[in-house]
Amino acid sequence: MKKSNLILLVILLVMAIAWGVVYWLFLAENVAAV
C-alpha cells in the first residue's frame, strides 16, 4: 500500500470518529432538552 493512501485512510478514519462524537453529543443534548 502506498504511504499516501495510508495517510488518506487515517484522515478519513479520524474524520469519521470526530463526526460520530459530534453527532452523539448533538443527539444527547436533544434527548436531554426533551
C-alpha atoms as a PDB file:
ATOM      1  CA  MET A   1       0.000   0.000   0.000  1.00  0.00           C
ATOM      2  CA  LYS A   2       1.254   3.474  -0.822  1.00  0.00           C
ATOM      3  CA  LYS A   3       2.050   5.803   2.057  1.00  0.00           C
ATOM      4  CA  SER A   4      -0.268   8.488   0.634  1.00  0.00           C
ATOM      5  CA  ASN A   5      -3.166   6.014   0.640  1.00  0.00           C
ATOM      6  CA  LEU A   6      -2.442   5.105   4.258  1.00  0.00           C
ATOM      7  CA  ILE A   7      -2.381   8.778   5.296  1.00  0.00           C
ATOM      8  CA  LEU A   8      -5.678   9.376   3.471  1.00  0.00           C
ATOM      9  CA  LEU A   9      -7.211   6.355   5.214  1.00  0.00           C
ATOM     10  CA  VAL A  10      -6.105   7.658   8.631  1.00  0.00           C
ATOM     11  CA  ILE A  11      -7.538  11.119   7.883  1.00  0.00           C
ATOM     12  CA  LEU A  12     -10.875   9.604   6.840  1.00  0.00           C
ATOM     13  CA  LEU A  13     -10.924   7.456   9.986  1.00  0.00           C
ATOM     14  CA  VAL A  14     -10.251  10.463  12.234  1.00  0.00           C
ATOM     15  CA  MET A  15     -12.961  12.482  10.456  1.00  0.00           C
ATOM     16  CA  ALA A  16     -15.447   9.618  10.839  1.00  0.00           C
ATOM     17  CA  ILE A  17     -14.722   9.347  14.580  1.00  0.00           C
ATOM     18  CA  ALA A  18     -14.973  13.132  15.006  1.00  0.00           C
ATOM     19  CA  TRP A  19     -18.340  13.245  13.196  1.00  0.00           C
ATOM     20  CA  GLY A  20     -19.543  10.295  15.302  1.00  0.00           C
ATOM     21  CA  VAL A  21     -18.657  12.117  18.537  1.00  0.00           C
ATOM     22  CA  VAL A  22     -20.269  15.379  17.355  1.00  0.00           C
ATOM     23  CA  TYR A  23     -23.429  13.517  16.287  1.00  0.00           C
ATOM     24  CA  TRP A  24     -23.563  11.649  19.622  1.00  0.00           C
ATOM     25  CA  LEU A  25     -23.187  14.882  21.621  1.00  0.00           C
ATOM     26  CA  PHE A  26     -25.852  16.591  19.472  1.00  0.00           C
ATOM     27  CA  LEU A  27     -28.218  13.644  19.955  1.00  0.00           C
ATOM     28  CA  ALA A  28     -27.519  13.547  23.714  1.00  0.00           C
ATOM     29  CA  GLU A  29     -28.269  17.286  24.018  1.00  0.00           C
ATOM     30  CA  ASN A  30     -31.548  16.874  22.127  1.00  0.00           C
ATOM     31  CA  VAL A  31     -32.611  13.972  24.349  1.00  0.00           C
ATOM     32  CA  ALA A  32     -31.665  15.939  27.486  1.00  0.00           C
ATOM     33  CA  ALA A  33     -33.567  19.007  26.214  1.00  0.00           C
ATOM     34  CA  VAL A  34     -36.699  16.890  25.676  1.00  0.00           C
END
